[in-house]
N, C-alpha and C. Protein backbone atom coordinates (compact mmCIF):
# COMPACT_ATOMS: atom_id res chain seq x y z
N MET A 1 -2.74 28.04 -10.05
CA MET A 1 -3.43 26.69 -9.98
C MET A 1 -2.74 25.53 -10.79
N LEU A 2 -2.10 26.24 -11.94
CA LEU A 2 -1.05 25.47 -12.92
C LEU A 2 -0.08 24.85 -12.55
N LEU A 3 0.43 25.93 -11.13
CA LEU A 3 2.00 25.41 -10.70
C LEU A 3 1.72 24.36 -10.13
N ARG A 4 0.21 24.58 -8.98
CA ARG A 4 0.19 23.09 -8.32
C ARG A 4 -0.18 21.93 -9.00
N LYS A 5 -0.76 22.17 -10.00
CA LYS A 5 -0.73 21.06 -10.84
C LYS A 5 0.31 20.29 -11.28
N TYR A 6 1.76 21.08 -11.54
CA TYR A 6 2.72 20.48 -12.25
C TYR A 6 3.41 20.12 -10.95
N MET A 7 3.35 20.85 -9.78
CA MET A 7 4.34 20.28 -8.46
C MET A 7 3.48 18.85 -8.22
N SER A 8 2.46 18.66 -8.46
CA SER A 8 1.58 17.19 -7.88
C SER A 8 1.92 16.25 -9.13
N LEU A 9 2.04 16.64 -10.37
CA LEU A 9 2.57 15.64 -11.18
C LEU A 9 4.03 15.09 -10.69
N LEU A 10 5.00 15.95 -10.10
CA LEU A 10 6.06 15.74 -9.81
C LEU A 10 6.25 15.10 -8.16
N GLY A 11 5.03 15.04 -7.51
CA GLY A 11 4.66 14.20 -6.20
C GLY A 11 5.09 15.25 -5.31
N VAL A 12 5.04 16.51 -5.49
CA VAL A 12 5.02 17.45 -4.48
C VAL A 12 3.08 18.00 -4.11
N GLY A 13 3.08 17.14 -3.18
CA GLY A 13 1.42 17.70 -2.75
C GLY A 13 0.52 16.76 -3.48
N SER A 14 0.86 15.56 -3.74
CA SER A 14 0.04 14.70 -4.36
C SER A 14 -0.77 13.95 -3.09
N ALA A 15 -1.39 13.16 -3.59
CA ALA A 15 -2.33 12.37 -2.68
C ALA A 15 -1.80 11.31 -2.11
N ILE A 16 -1.86 11.21 -0.81
CA ILE A 16 -1.09 9.88 0.11
C ILE A 16 -1.74 8.67 0.37
N ILE A 17 -1.48 7.57 0.64
CA ILE A 17 -1.97 6.45 0.68
C ILE A 17 -1.29 5.78 2.16
N ASP A 18 -2.02 5.14 3.07
CA ASP A 18 -1.65 4.28 4.32
C ASP A 18 -2.60 3.51 4.21
N LEU A 19 -1.71 1.99 4.35
CA LEU A 19 -2.60 1.00 4.80
C LEU A 19 -2.78 0.98 6.15
N ILE A 20 -3.93 0.69 6.72
CA ILE A 20 -4.16 0.83 8.23
C ILE A 20 -4.48 -0.63 8.28
N LEU A 21 -3.70 -1.21 9.45
CA LEU A 21 -3.81 -3.02 9.72
C LEU A 21 -4.46 -2.81 11.23
N PRO A 22 -4.96 -3.73 11.62
CA PRO A 22 -5.77 -3.51 13.09
C PRO A 22 -4.45 -4.19 14.28
N LYS A 23 -3.32 -4.74 13.75
CA LYS A 23 -2.44 -5.52 14.65
C LYS A 23 -1.44 -5.59 13.32
N GLU A 24 -0.31 -6.15 14.23
CA GLU A 24 1.14 -6.41 13.67
C GLU A 24 1.56 -7.74 13.26
N THR A 25 0.74 -8.57 14.14
CA THR A 25 1.48 -10.13 14.08
C THR A 25 -0.07 -10.80 13.90
N TYR A 26 0.40 -11.60 12.71
CA TYR A 26 -0.31 -12.86 11.97
C TYR A 26 -0.39 -14.17 11.94
N ARG A 27 -0.89 -15.30 12.15
CA ARG A 27 -0.71 -16.52 11.66
C ARG A 27 -1.24 -16.83 10.43
N ARG A 28 0.04 -17.73 9.97
CA ARG A 28 -0.27 -18.12 8.43
C ARG A 28 -1.67 -18.82 8.35
N GLY A 29 -2.32 -18.54 7.20
CA GLY A 29 -3.49 -18.50 7.08
C GLY A 29 -4.58 -17.62 7.24
N GLU A 30 -4.05 -16.46 8.04
CA GLU A 30 -4.91 -16.05 8.69
C GLU A 30 -5.76 -14.52 7.98
N LEU A 31 -6.89 -14.56 7.88
CA LEU A 31 -7.45 -13.21 6.83
C LEU A 31 -7.25 -12.13 7.63
N ILE A 32 -6.92 -11.21 7.06
CA ILE A 32 -6.24 -9.69 6.98
C ILE A 32 -7.47 -8.73 6.75
N ASN A 33 -7.98 -8.29 7.78
CA ASN A 33 -9.02 -7.09 7.01
C ASN A 33 -8.30 -5.73 7.79
N GLY A 34 -8.37 -4.82 6.79
CA GLY A 34 -7.83 -3.38 7.29
C GLY A 34 -8.48 -2.41 6.21
N HIS A 35 -7.84 -1.15 6.13
CA HIS A 35 -8.27 -0.52 5.20
C HIS A 35 -7.17 0.40 4.84
N PHE A 36 -7.56 0.82 3.34
CA PHE A 36 -6.30 2.11 2.70
C PHE A 36 -6.83 3.25 3.19
N TYR A 37 -6.32 4.10 3.91
CA TYR A 37 -6.68 5.56 3.75
C TYR A 37 -5.60 6.20 3.06
N ILE A 38 -6.75 7.07 2.23
CA ILE A 38 -6.15 8.06 1.21
C ILE A 38 -6.67 9.35 1.44
N LYS A 39 -5.41 10.31 1.40
CA LYS A 39 -5.74 11.71 1.63
C LYS A 39 -5.39 12.38 0.53
N GLY A 40 -6.29 13.30 0.24
CA GLY A 40 -5.93 13.99 -1.03
C GLY A 40 -5.01 14.74 -0.89
N GLY A 41 -4.45 15.31 -1.70
CA GLY A 41 -3.16 16.51 -2.17
C GLY A 41 -3.60 17.73 -2.24
N THR A 42 -2.65 18.92 -2.75
CA THR A 42 -3.33 20.00 -3.07
C THR A 42 -4.15 20.07 -4.24
N ILE A 43 -4.62 19.27 -5.12
CA ILE A 43 -5.28 19.57 -6.09
C ILE A 43 -6.32 18.09 -6.47
N GLU A 44 -6.98 18.03 -6.94
CA GLU A 44 -7.94 17.06 -7.40
C GLU A 44 -6.92 15.95 -8.41
N GLN A 45 -7.17 14.83 -8.44
CA GLN A 45 -6.64 13.67 -8.77
C GLN A 45 -7.26 12.42 -9.18
N GLN A 46 -6.97 11.94 -10.37
CA GLN A 46 -7.76 10.92 -10.55
C GLN A 46 -6.92 9.63 -10.49
N LEU A 47 -8.04 8.81 -9.58
CA LEU A 47 -7.09 7.48 -9.09
C LEU A 47 -7.42 6.57 -10.28
N LYS A 48 -5.89 5.64 -10.42
CA LYS A 48 -6.26 4.30 -11.06
C LYS A 48 -6.16 3.26 -10.48
N ARG A 49 -5.36 2.94 -9.69
CA ARG A 49 -5.40 1.52 -8.90
C ARG A 49 -4.57 1.70 -7.92
N ILE A 50 -4.94 0.76 -6.66
CA ILE A 50 -3.98 0.61 -5.44
C ILE A 50 -3.42 -0.96 -5.93
N ASP A 51 -1.89 -0.93 -5.48
CA ASP A 51 -1.44 -2.14 -5.59
C ASP A 51 -0.92 -2.42 -4.26
N CYS A 52 -1.05 -3.90 -3.67
CA CYS A 52 -0.28 -4.24 -2.34
C CYS A 52 0.14 -4.92 -2.35
N ASP A 53 1.31 -5.31 -2.15
CA ASP A 53 2.40 -6.67 -2.48
C ASP A 53 2.62 -6.96 -1.01
N LEU A 54 2.45 -8.36 -0.98
CA LEU A 54 3.23 -8.94 0.24
C LEU A 54 4.50 -9.55 0.14
N VAL A 55 5.28 -8.74 0.58
CA VAL A 55 6.94 -9.27 0.20
C VAL A 55 7.52 -9.80 1.54
N MET A 56 8.32 -10.98 1.19
CA MET A 56 8.95 -11.34 2.19
C MET A 56 10.84 -11.06 1.83
N LEU A 57 11.18 -10.63 2.78
CA LEU A 57 12.50 -10.46 2.80
C LEU A 57 13.39 -11.26 3.51
N ASN A 58 14.43 -11.71 2.73
CA ASN A 58 15.64 -12.52 3.52
C ASN A 58 16.84 -11.98 3.90
N GLN A 59 16.66 -11.74 5.38
CA GLN A 59 17.65 -10.57 5.89
C GLN A 59 19.36 -11.37 5.47
N THR A 60 19.46 -12.38 5.35
CA THR A 60 20.78 -13.27 5.38
C THR A 60 21.31 -12.68 3.73
N THR A 61 20.28 -12.72 2.77
CA THR A 61 20.97 -12.53 1.24
C THR A 61 20.42 -11.34 0.81
N GLY A 62 19.11 -10.49 1.36
CA GLY A 62 18.91 -9.20 1.34
C GLY A 62 17.83 -9.38 0.11
N GLN A 63 17.66 -10.51 -0.27
CA GLN A 63 16.71 -10.89 -1.29
C GLN A 63 15.32 -10.47 -1.35
N GLU A 64 14.18 -9.87 -1.83
CA GLU A 64 12.89 -9.49 -1.87
C GLU A 64 12.44 -10.47 -2.45
N LYS A 65 11.15 -11.34 -2.23
CA LYS A 65 10.42 -11.92 -3.03
C LYS A 65 8.84 -11.71 -2.73
N VAL A 66 7.97 -11.06 -3.98
CA VAL A 66 6.91 -10.95 -3.78
C VAL A 66 6.01 -12.20 -3.61
N ILE A 67 5.54 -12.49 -2.50
CA ILE A 67 4.52 -13.63 -1.93
C ILE A 67 3.01 -13.52 -2.91
N ASP A 68 2.51 -12.43 -2.78
CA ASP A 68 1.06 -12.25 -3.49
C ASP A 68 0.75 -10.96 -3.36
N THR A 69 -0.03 -10.44 -4.31
CA THR A 69 -0.56 -9.07 -4.74
C THR A 69 -1.99 -8.83 -4.86
N ALA A 70 -2.23 -7.88 -3.92
CA ALA A 70 -3.72 -7.63 -4.00
C ALA A 70 -4.07 -5.99 -4.82
N THR A 71 -4.94 -6.09 -5.71
CA THR A 71 -5.09 -4.98 -6.30
C THR A 71 -6.40 -4.58 -6.49
N VAL A 72 -6.42 -3.22 -6.41
CA VAL A 72 -7.96 -2.45 -6.33
C VAL A 72 -7.74 -1.49 -7.40
N LEU A 73 -8.91 -2.00 -8.52
CA LEU A 73 -8.60 -0.85 -9.68
C LEU A 73 -9.98 0.30 -9.23
N SER A 74 -9.65 1.52 -9.70
CA SER A 74 -10.61 2.63 -9.38
C SER A 74 -10.84 3.68 -10.37
N SER A 75 -11.48 4.37 -10.48
CA SER A 75 -11.67 5.57 -11.84
C SER A 75 -12.21 6.57 -10.61
N LYS A 76 -11.96 6.31 -9.30
CA LYS A 76 -12.53 7.62 -8.23
C LYS A 76 -11.71 8.59 -8.59
N LEU A 77 -12.40 10.30 -8.45
CA LEU A 77 -11.76 11.62 -8.40
C LEU A 77 -11.21 11.61 -6.96
N ILE A 78 -10.27 12.18 -6.52
CA ILE A 78 -10.24 12.44 -4.98
C ILE A 78 -9.58 13.90 -5.16
N ASN A 79 -10.61 14.68 -4.43
CA ASN A 79 -10.73 16.16 -4.34
C ASN A 79 -9.33 16.27 -3.44
N SER A 80 -9.02 17.71 -3.54
CA SER A 80 -7.98 18.38 -2.50
C SER A 80 -8.65 18.55 -0.92
N ASP A 81 -7.73 17.69 -0.42
CA ASP A 81 -7.59 17.62 0.91
C ASP A 81 -8.85 16.92 1.37
N GLU A 82 -9.31 15.88 0.65
CA GLU A 82 -10.46 14.94 1.02
C GLU A 82 -9.64 13.63 1.41
N SER A 83 -10.51 13.17 2.56
CA SER A 83 -9.74 11.52 3.04
C SER A 83 -10.99 10.79 2.45
N ASN A 84 -10.49 9.41 2.22
CA ASN A 84 -11.22 8.26 1.98
C ASN A 84 -10.54 7.37 2.44
N SER A 85 -11.53 6.16 2.69
CA SER A 85 -11.12 4.89 2.74
C SER A 85 -11.81 3.56 1.77
N VAL A 86 -10.52 2.97 1.64
CA VAL A 86 -10.98 1.44 0.81
C VAL A 86 -10.82 0.18 1.60
N SER A 87 -11.79 -0.52 1.47
CA SER A 87 -11.60 -1.54 2.37
C SER A 87 -10.39 -2.50 2.04
N PHE A 88 -9.33 -3.43 2.63
CA PHE A 88 -8.30 -4.21 2.39
C PHE A 88 -8.73 -5.37 2.90
N THR A 89 -9.02 -6.60 2.21
CA THR A 89 -8.88 -7.88 2.71
C THR A 89 -7.66 -8.77 2.12
N PHE A 90 -6.96 -9.44 2.88
CA PHE A 90 -5.71 -10.20 2.34
C PHE A 90 -5.83 -11.55 3.31
N LYS A 91 -5.80 -12.89 2.81
CA LYS A 91 -5.46 -13.90 3.26
C LYS A 91 -4.24 -14.39 3.30
N LEU A 92 -3.49 -14.59 4.42
CA LEU A 92 -1.85 -15.17 4.53
C LEU A 92 -1.84 -16.40 4.08
N PRO A 93 -1.12 -16.83 2.94
CA PRO A 93 -0.79 -18.33 2.49
C PRO A 93 -0.63 -19.19 3.64
N GLU A 94 -0.69 -20.30 3.77
CA GLU A 94 -0.62 -21.59 4.67
C GLU A 94 0.87 -21.83 4.96
N THR A 95 1.44 -21.59 3.73
CA THR A 95 2.98 -22.20 3.49
C THR A 95 3.92 -21.47 3.52
N ILE A 96 3.87 -20.02 3.99
CA ILE A 96 4.74 -19.19 4.24
C ILE A 96 5.74 -19.72 5.43
N PRO A 97 7.13 -19.30 5.60
CA PRO A 97 7.80 -19.62 6.54
C PRO A 97 7.42 -18.50 7.75
N ILE A 98 7.75 -18.76 8.70
CA ILE A 98 7.28 -18.12 9.99
C ILE A 98 8.35 -16.85 9.77
N SER A 99 8.08 -15.57 10.66
CA SER A 99 8.96 -14.42 10.48
C SER A 99 10.30 -14.98 11.78
N SER A 100 11.47 -14.43 11.50
CA SER A 100 12.63 -15.00 12.27
C SER A 100 13.46 -13.96 12.20
N GLU A 101 14.92 -14.17 12.48
CA GLU A 101 15.94 -12.77 12.29
C GLU A 101 16.14 -12.99 10.92
N LYS A 102 15.71 -14.10 10.39
CA LYS A 102 16.29 -14.21 8.87
C LYS A 102 15.19 -13.88 8.11
N ILE A 103 13.98 -13.90 8.53
CA ILE A 103 12.72 -13.99 7.37
C ILE A 103 11.89 -12.62 7.89
N SER A 104 11.48 -11.53 7.12
CA SER A 104 10.67 -10.34 7.54
C SER A 104 9.63 -10.21 6.56
N TYR A 105 8.49 -9.97 6.93
CA TYR A 105 7.11 -9.18 5.76
C TYR A 105 6.91 -8.27 6.06
N ARG A 106 6.64 -7.52 4.79
CA ARG A 106 5.99 -6.07 4.68
C ARG A 106 5.00 -6.03 3.57
N PHE A 107 4.07 -5.17 3.84
CA PHE A 107 3.04 -4.65 2.85
C PHE A 107 3.58 -3.61 1.81
N LYS A 108 4.17 -3.71 0.74
CA LYS A 108 4.36 -2.71 0.15
C LYS A 108 3.16 -1.97 -0.72
N THR A 109 2.60 -0.71 -0.52
CA THR A 109 1.42 -0.22 -1.13
C THR A 109 1.68 0.93 -2.05
N ARG A 110 1.38 1.06 -3.41
CA ARG A 110 1.30 1.69 -4.29
C ARG A 110 -0.06 2.40 -4.69
N LEU A 111 -0.15 3.62 -4.40
CA LEU A 111 -1.48 4.35 -5.25
C LEU A 111 -0.90 4.95 -6.64
N THR A 112 -1.84 4.49 -7.44
CA THR A 112 -1.55 4.98 -8.84
C THR A 112 -2.49 5.68 -9.50
N PHE A 113 -2.17 7.08 -10.16
CA PHE A 113 -2.86 8.25 -10.79
C PHE A 113 -3.05 7.99 -12.03
N ASN A 114 -4.16 8.50 -13.04
CA ASN A 114 -3.75 8.71 -14.39
C ASN A 114 -2.88 9.53 -14.41
N GLU A 115 -2.43 10.92 -13.83
CA GLU A 115 -1.15 11.45 -14.02
C GLU A 115 -0.41 11.72 -12.50
N GLY A 116 0.76 11.75 -12.81
CA GLY A 116 1.82 12.33 -11.39
C GLY A 116 2.33 10.86 -11.13
N ILE A 117 2.89 10.94 -10.34
CA ILE A 117 3.83 10.11 -9.43
C ILE A 117 3.51 9.31 -8.46
N GLU A 118 3.40 8.20 -8.46
CA GLU A 118 2.56 7.25 -7.44
C GLU A 118 2.93 7.36 -5.90
N SER A 119 2.01 7.27 -5.28
CA SER A 119 2.22 7.53 -3.62
C SER A 119 2.60 5.94 -3.16
N LYS A 120 3.41 6.06 -2.33
CA LYS A 120 3.72 4.53 -1.73
C LYS A 120 3.79 4.87 -0.22
N ASP A 121 3.49 3.19 0.27
CA ASP A 121 3.71 3.05 1.64
C ASP A 121 4.03 1.55 2.26
N GLN A 122 4.71 1.47 3.24
CA GLN A 122 5.08 0.36 3.94
C GLN A 122 4.57 -0.26 5.04
N ASP A 123 4.13 -1.11 5.44
CA ASP A 123 3.78 -1.72 6.60
C ASP A 123 4.67 -3.06 7.04
N MET A 124 5.16 -3.22 8.01
CA MET A 124 5.41 -4.56 8.69
C MET A 124 4.86 -5.40 9.40
N ILE A 125 4.96 -6.53 9.01
CA ILE A 125 3.87 -7.46 9.76
C ILE A 125 4.69 -8.56 10.26
N GLN A 126 4.22 -9.20 11.34
CA GLN A 126 5.13 -10.65 11.86
C GLN A 126 4.11 -11.89 11.68
N VAL A 127 4.74 -13.09 11.29
CA VAL A 127 3.77 -14.02 10.75
C VAL A 127 4.42 -15.06 11.73
N ILE A 128 3.66 -15.69 12.73
CA ILE A 128 3.62 -16.97 13.63
C ILE A 128 3.09 -18.22 13.29
């Protein structure tokens, strides 16, 4: 048991997070409703927060810019092999450029625990 705890602190067997979105293409100003799927690891872990950044990537310069962030604070204990769902709502700004060969968007999600390495996920979207 002690070995599993130390392994999860290093990220091996930690809980994982996945942002589930209903589609990949959205209009500027559209409200996105999805959910975070959280799957417990090999031991129970205390959740601290979920951060989800909308990031714009300029393919020409390689520069990433965080457009906005959604944060969910939590003190939930996730048991080993337990599955949970947390709702996600995000309103796309009206003023962002549309997706093109030069501009792309993604949600970068981080699940932070009281102890251990955070779990990460990325989901591409297209803005029309």
